[in-house]
Protein backbone atom coordinates (compact mmCIF):
# COMPACT_ATOMS: atom_id res chain seq x y z
CA MET A 1 34.12 -46.73 19.16
CA ARG A 2 30.59 -48.13 19.31
CA LEU A 3 28.11 -46.10 21.34
CA PRO A 4 25.22 -47.67 23.27
CA ARG A 5 21.83 -47.37 21.53
CA ARG A 6 20.43 -45.11 24.29
CA GLN A 7 23.30 -42.66 23.87
CA LEU A 8 22.86 -42.64 20.08
CA LEU A 9 19.18 -41.80 20.45
CA HIS A 10 20.03 -39.04 22.90
CA LEU A 11 22.56 -37.52 20.50
CA ALA A 12 20.14 -37.77 17.57
CA ALA A 13 17.41 -36.02 19.55
CA GLY A 14 19.85 -33.31 20.49
CA ALA A 15 20.86 -32.79 16.88
CA VAL A 16 17.21 -32.27 15.91
CA ALA A 17 16.59 -29.92 18.82
CA LEU A 18 19.61 -27.72 18.14
CA PRO A 19 18.24 -25.93 15.04
CA ALA A 20 14.91 -25.30 16.74
CA ALA A 21 16.69 -24.00 19.81
CA SER A 22 18.85 -21.70 17.69
CA TRP A 23 15.77 -20.36 15.88
CA ILE A 24 14.08 -19.59 19.17
CA ALA A 25 17.19 -17.94 20.53
CA ARG A 26 17.59 -15.87 17.36
CA ALA A 27 14.02 -14.63 17.60
CA GLN A 28 14.39 -13.83 21.30
CA THR A 29 17.56 -11.80 20.83
CA TYR A 30 16.62 -10.10 17.53
CA PRO A 31 17.55 -7.39 16.79
CA THR A 32 21.09 -7.17 18.15
CA ARG A 33 22.07 -4.24 15.89
CA PRO A 34 20.39 -1.45 13.91
CA VAL A 35 17.82 -2.46 11.27
CA ARG A 36 17.42 -0.74 7.91
CA LEU A 37 13.90 0.04 6.69
CA ILE A 38 13.93 1.07 3.04
CA ALA A 39 11.28 3.60 1.99
CA PRO A 40 11.26 3.43 -1.83
CA ALA A 41 10.13 7.04 -2.22
CA PRO A 42 11.34 10.58 -1.45
CA PRO A 43 10.87 12.05 2.02
CA GLY A 44 7.50 13.56 2.90
CA GLY A 45 5.03 11.34 1.05
CA PRO A 46 2.80 8.60 2.45
CA ILE A 47 5.40 5.86 1.93
CA ASP A 48 8.02 7.83 3.84
CA ILE A 49 5.56 8.80 6.58
CA SER A 50 4.43 5.19 6.95
CA ALA A 51 8.00 3.94 7.16
CA ARG A 52 8.86 6.48 9.85
CA LEU A 53 5.80 5.61 11.90
CA ILE A 54 6.68 1.91 11.79
CA GLY A 55 10.38 2.54 12.33
CA GLN A 56 9.83 4.67 15.41
CA TRP A 57 7.37 2.14 16.83
CA LEU A 58 9.70 -0.82 16.31
CA SER A 59 12.67 1.11 17.69
CA GLU A 60 10.76 1.79 20.89
CA ARG A 61 9.48 -1.78 21.15
CA LEU A 62 12.65 -3.68 20.25
CA GLY A 63 15.39 -1.45 21.63
CA GLN A 64 17.44 -1.02 18.46
CA PRO A 65 17.32 1.80 15.87
CA PHE A 66 15.17 1.12 12.82
CA THR A 67 16.71 3.64 10.44
CA ILE A 68 14.80 4.88 7.39
CA GLU A 69 16.64 4.83 4.09
CA ASN A 70 14.86 6.71 1.31
CA ARG A 71 15.55 5.06 -2.07
CA PRO A 72 13.27 6.73 -4.65
CA GLY A 73 13.27 6.02 -8.36
CA ALA A 74 11.23 4.26 -11.06
CA GLY A 75 8.10 4.40 -8.99
CA VAL A 76 8.91 2.21 -6.00
CA ASN A 77 11.09 -0.16 -8.01
CA MET A 78 14.61 1.00 -7.14
CA GLY A 79 14.09 0.85 -3.40
CA THR A 80 12.28 -2.47 -3.59
CA GLU A 81 15.04 -3.97 -5.72
CA ALA A 82 17.66 -2.79 -3.22
CA ALA A 83 15.77 -4.63 -0.49
CA VAL A 84 15.37 -7.77 -2.58
CA ARG A 85 19.15 -7.89 -3.19
CA ALA A 86 19.99 -7.42 0.51
CA PRO A 87 20.90 -10.34 2.81
CA ALA A 88 17.79 -12.19 4.01
CA ASP A 89 18.75 -11.89 7.68
CA GLY A 90 15.95 -9.69 9.00
CA TYR A 91 18.11 -6.57 9.12
CA THR A 92 16.74 -5.07 5.90
CA LEU A 93 13.02 -4.33 5.69
CA VAL A 94 11.11 -2.57 2.93
CA LEU A 95 7.93 -0.53 2.99
CA VAL A 96 5.69 -2.14 0.36
CA SER A 97 2.55 -0.58 -1.04
CA ALA A 98 -0.15 -0.70 -3.68
CA GLY A 99 2.46 0.79 -6.01
CA ASN A 100 4.34 -2.51 -5.96
CA ALA A 101 1.20 -4.43 -6.94
CA ILE A 102 0.52 -2.00 -9.79
CA ASN A 103 4.13 -1.94 -11.04
CA ALA A 104 4.21 -5.74 -11.31
CA THR A 105 2.27 -5.32 -14.58
CA LEU A 106 2.98 -1.69 -15.45
CA TYR A 107 6.71 -2.36 -15.89
CA GLU A 108 7.51 -5.10 -18.39
CA LYS A 109 11.16 -5.65 -17.44
CA LEU A 110 11.44 -5.59 -13.67
CA SER A 111 14.54 -7.32 -12.36
CA TYR A 112 12.58 -8.92 -9.52
CA ASN A 113 9.22 -10.57 -8.98
CA PHE A 114 7.26 -8.76 -6.28
CA ILE A 115 5.27 -11.77 -5.09
CA ARG A 116 8.14 -14.26 -5.34
CA ASP A 117 11.04 -12.17 -4.04
CA VAL A 118 9.43 -10.22 -1.18
CA ALA A 119 8.21 -12.09 1.88
CA PRO A 120 5.22 -10.39 3.56
CA VAL A 121 5.69 -9.40 7.19
CA ALA A 122 2.66 -7.34 8.15
CA GLY A 123 0.06 -5.05 6.68
CA PHE A 124 0.02 -1.58 8.23
CA TYR A 125 -2.98 0.38 6.98
CA ARG A 126 -5.06 1.14 3.92
CA VAL A 127 -6.45 4.47 2.74
CA PRO A 128 -9.47 4.66 0.43
CA MET A 129 -9.96 7.48 -2.01
CA VAL A 130 -12.75 9.90 -2.68
CA MET A 131 -14.25 10.44 -6.13
CA GLU A 132 -14.42 14.22 -6.45
CA VAL A 133 -15.41 16.65 -9.16
CA ASN A 134 -15.07 20.33 -9.90
CA PRO A 135 -18.36 22.08 -9.01
CA SER A 136 -18.81 23.00 -12.68
CA VAL A 137 -19.73 19.35 -13.31
CA PRO A 138 -23.52 19.19 -12.97
CA ALA A 139 -23.56 15.68 -11.48
CA LYS A 140 -24.42 15.45 -7.78
CA THR A 141 -24.22 11.66 -7.48
CA VAL A 142 -22.17 8.80 -8.91
CA LEU A 143 -25.07 7.69 -11.11
CA GLU A 144 -25.58 11.23 -12.40
CA PHE A 145 -21.87 11.42 -13.19
CA ILE A 146 -21.96 8.16 -15.13
CA ALA A 147 -24.91 9.42 -17.15
CA TYR A 148 -23.21 12.78 -17.75
CA ALA A 149 -19.94 11.12 -18.82
CA LYS A 150 -21.75 8.79 -21.22
CA ALA A 151 -23.56 11.76 -22.71
CA ASN A 152 -20.18 13.50 -23.20
CA PRO A 153 -17.74 10.76 -24.25
CA GLY A 154 -14.10 11.83 -24.35
CA LYS A 155 -14.89 15.33 -23.08
CA LEU A 156 -14.08 14.86 -19.38
CA ASN A 157 -10.52 15.02 -18.08
CA MET A 158 -9.56 12.67 -15.23
CA GLY A 159 -6.45 13.71 -13.34
CA SER A 160 -3.97 11.62 -11.37
CA ALA A 161 -0.60 11.82 -9.64
CA GLY A 162 0.96 10.04 -12.60
CA ILE A 163 0.73 6.96 -14.79
CA GLY A 164 0.29 3.90 -12.59
CA SER A 165 -0.47 5.90 -9.46
CA PRO A 166 -3.31 4.70 -7.20
CA GLN A 167 -5.40 7.64 -8.43
CA HIS A 168 -4.84 6.61 -12.03
CA VAL A 169 -5.72 2.94 -11.64
CA ALA A 170 -8.74 3.76 -9.47
CA GLY A 171 -10.05 5.92 -12.31
CA GLU A 172 -9.27 3.25 -14.88
CA LEU A 173 -11.11 0.67 -12.75
CA PHE A 174 -14.11 3.02 -12.70
CA LYS A 175 -13.93 3.38 -16.49
CA MET A 176 -13.62 -0.37 -16.93
CA MET A 177 -16.60 -1.16 -14.69
CA THR A 178 -18.93 1.59 -15.96
CA GLY A 179 -18.00 1.91 -19.63
CA VAL A 180 -17.48 5.67 -19.47
CA ASP A 181 -14.92 7.36 -21.71
CA MET A 182 -12.68 9.89 -19.94
CA ILE A 183 -9.28 11.29 -20.86
CA HIS A 184 -6.57 10.49 -18.34
CA VAL A 185 -4.26 13.43 -17.60
CA PRO A 186 -1.19 12.37 -15.57
CA TYR A 187 0.61 14.93 -13.39
CA ARG A 188 3.84 14.88 -11.42
CA GLY A 189 2.21 14.37 -8.06
CA VAL A 190 -1.12 15.04 -6.40
CA GLY A 191 -0.46 18.75 -5.77
CA PRO A 192 -0.36 19.92 -9.41
CA ALA A 193 -3.32 17.71 -10.30
CA LEU A 194 -5.37 19.15 -7.45
CA ILE A 195 -4.59 22.71 -8.56
CA ASP A 196 -5.95 22.02 -12.04
CA LEU A 197 -8.99 20.22 -10.65
CA LEU A 198 -9.78 23.26 -8.52
CA GLY A 199 -9.18 25.50 -11.52
CA GLY A 200 -11.53 23.55 -13.78
CA GLN A 201 -8.93 22.31 -16.26
CA MET A 202 -9.87 18.84 -15.01
CA GLN A 203 -13.32 17.62 -14.11
CA VAL A 204 -12.78 14.55 -11.93
CA MET A 205 -10.16 12.84 -9.81
CA PHE A 206 -9.91 9.96 -7.37
CA ASP A 207 -7.81 11.28 -4.49
CA SER A 208 -6.90 10.54 -0.88
CA PRO A 209 -9.11 12.25 1.71
CA PRO A 210 -6.28 14.09 3.54
CA ALA A 211 -5.31 15.94 0.35
CA SER A 212 -8.85 17.02 -0.53
CA ILE A 213 -10.93 17.09 2.63
CA GLU A 214 -10.64 20.83 3.29
CA HIS A 215 -11.57 21.67 -0.33
CA ILE A 216 -14.60 19.39 -0.04
CA ARG A 217 -15.66 21.03 3.22
CA ALA A 218 -15.20 24.47 1.67
CA GLY A 219 -17.34 23.53 -1.35
CA THR A 220 -14.57 24.13 -3.88
CA LEU A 221 -14.72 20.41 -4.72
CA ARG A 222 -17.73 18.09 -4.66
CA ALA A 223 -17.37 14.57 -3.26
CA LEU A 224 -19.52 12.02 -5.10
CA GLY A 225 -18.42 8.85 -3.33
CA VAL A 226 -15.71 7.08 -1.39
CA THR A 227 -13.92 4.05 -2.79
CA ALA A 228 -13.93 2.04 0.45
CA ALA A 229 -16.24 -0.81 1.39
CA THR A 230 -17.68 1.34 4.20
CA THR A 231 -18.31 5.04 4.72
CA LEU A 232 -15.48 7.21 6.03
CA GLU A 233 -15.52 8.89 9.42
CA VAL A 234 -14.15 12.09 7.87
CA LEU A 235 -16.87 12.09 5.15
CA PRO A 236 -19.86 10.51 6.91
CA ASP A 237 -22.42 11.85 4.44
CA THR A 238 -20.57 10.74 1.31
CA PRO A 239 -21.89 7.42 -0.04
CA ILE A 240 -19.86 4.44 -1.19
CA VAL A 241 -19.10 4.23 -4.92
CA GLY A 242 -19.69 0.48 -4.70
CA ASN A 243 -23.33 1.13 -3.84
CA PHE A 244 -23.79 2.35 -7.41
CA VAL A 245 -21.04 0.33 -9.13
CA PRO A 246 -21.25 -3.10 -7.47
CA GLY A 247 -17.85 -4.54 -6.62
CA PHE A 248 -15.95 -1.29 -7.04
CA GLU A 249 -13.23 -0.76 -4.40
CA ALA A 250 -9.89 0.98 -4.63
CA SER A 251 -7.44 2.04 -1.97
CA ALA A 252 -3.81 2.72 -1.29
CA TRP A 253 -2.25 0.38 1.26
CA TYR A 254 1.06 0.03 3.05
CA GLY A 255 2.92 -2.71 4.89
CA VAL A 256 6.30 -4.26 5.55
CA GLY A 257 8.19 -6.90 3.62
CA VAL A 258 11.62 -8.55 3.78
CA PRO A 259 13.78 -10.39 1.24
CA LYS A 260 12.55 -13.92 0.60
CA ASP A 261 14.13 -16.61 2.79
CA ALA A 262 14.32 -14.27 5.79
CA PRO A 263 14.01 -16.28 9.02
CA ALA A 264 10.37 -17.15 9.74
CA GLU A 265 10.80 -16.56 13.47
CA ILE A 266 12.00 -12.99 12.83
CA ILE A 267 9.09 -12.36 10.44
CA ASP A 268 6.70 -13.59 13.13
CA LYS A 269 8.30 -11.38 15.77
CA LEU A 270 8.09 -8.28 13.57
CA ASN A 271 4.49 -9.13 12.69
CA LYS A 272 3.57 -9.39 16.38
CA GLU A 273 5.19 -6.06 17.22
CA ILE A 274 3.61 -4.21 14.28
CA ASN A 275 0.17 -5.59 15.15
CA ALA A 276 0.66 -4.37 18.70
CA ALA A 277 0.68 -0.81 17.32
CA PHE A 278 -3.01 -1.04 16.51
CA ASP A 279 -3.85 -1.14 20.22
CA ASP A 280 -1.90 2.03 20.91
CA PRO A 281 -4.13 5.15 21.18
CA ARG A 282 -1.49 7.41 19.64
CA MET A 283 -1.10 5.16 16.61
CA LYS A 284 -4.86 4.86 16.23
CA ARG A 285 -5.18 8.64 16.16
CA ARG A 286 -2.34 8.98 13.68
CA LEU A 287 -3.86 6.49 11.25
CA ALA A 288 -7.28 8.12 11.62
CA ASP A 289 -5.76 11.52 10.83
CA MET A 290 -4.47 10.05 7.56
CA GLY A 291 -7.88 8.58 6.75
CA GLY A 292 -6.53 5.07 7.21
CA THR A 293 -7.76 1.84 8.72
CA ALA A 294 -5.46 -0.76 10.25
CA LEU A 295 -4.48 -3.87 8.31
CA ALA A 296 -3.97 -6.16 11.28
CA GLY A 297 -3.28 -9.82 10.56
CA SER A 298 -0.69 -12.52 10.06
CA PRO A 299 2.07 -12.57 7.43
CA ALA A 300 -0.12 -15.00 5.47
CA ASP A 301 -3.04 -12.54 5.61
CA PHE A 302 -0.87 -9.78 4.20
CA GLY A 303 0.46 -12.17 1.56
CA LYS A 304 -3.08 -12.92 0.41
CA LEU A 305 -3.83 -9.20 0.13
CA ILE A 306 -0.71 -8.71 -1.99
CA VAL A 307 -1.66 -11.53 -4.38
CA VAL A 308 -5.27 -10.35 -4.72
CA GLU A 309 -4.26 -6.73 -5.31
CA THR A 310 -1.54 -7.64 -7.80
CA GLU A 311 -4.00 -9.72 -9.85
CA LYS A 312 -6.69 -7.02 -9.62
CA TRP A 313 -4.49 -4.18 -10.82
CA SER A 314 -2.93 -6.36 -13.50
CA LYS A 315 -6.33 -6.52 -15.20
CA VAL A 316 -6.85 -2.77 -14.85
CA VAL A 317 -3.39 -1.85 -16.16
CA LYS A 318 -3.89 -4.11 -19.18
CA PHE A 319 -7.32 -2.57 -19.78
CA SER A 320 -5.85 0.95 -19.67
CA GLY A 321 -2.99 0.12 -22.00
CA ALA A 322 -0.57 2.03 -19.75
CA LYS A 323 3.12 1.16 -20.06
CA LEU A 324 6.28 2.34 -18.30
CA ASP A 325 9.83 1.09 -18.75
């Protein structure tokens, strides 16, 4: 049967419109069932806390449970790999962090490519660190510390929460940019490292403000500088390390990703809802309590941050010679 030309054009236009209509409908109805948000870390840490904040917010906004699944192991690699292998349908999300950017170089044989296999959804927040020393260190400023370290090469211990942790690479970046020689001492977490810093077995550490702020206020630790681009509200009198080491910046950051090829309209919807959190007074207070600043922006903005951070820490990891497999 031969159809009139007008009817053929009408059918062709309808065929083109159908996929677009289905995309729009899928975005409007999503989610229709519970969503899994993988936190690639044990309960209680910043990755888990961040995932639960986002999960609760999205559950309230979108009317379906966003359940947190803790998948620790091999840094953040096991949980991230589980997300990468999941169906790309928008029903598996993963909490991504600076640890992913660091591990891209730290681990030589990852079974996935962080930048290629994880599609960015939205940045959540970033937390700078504070460069702090035991009071036995005579330096009162960053410049005095650099001079003291250069006068005592290899005699200062620099603690961290472990090889490849944000604290570790922040310290290695400082070493790389200043030429000082310090001995890295990795611990199993921030807590044990902080105990030895307070006890004087270590002399310096780059740490998150929430973990150290009370010790700084009590005078049992001395803050020399913050690693952010601006001063911190919780440490208003502590200068920026970058004022003395131009270009220095280091922070932990957190956001949400999905397996590559997830529907763009679902990514956009999740991005919109996560960004809406930054206008909520409760969320603002919660982020401020953790020393964080919001990472509002589009999926492309978050993707750019991921690429820049992965390249940055690749250079630092190679400089340090650190390896994990």
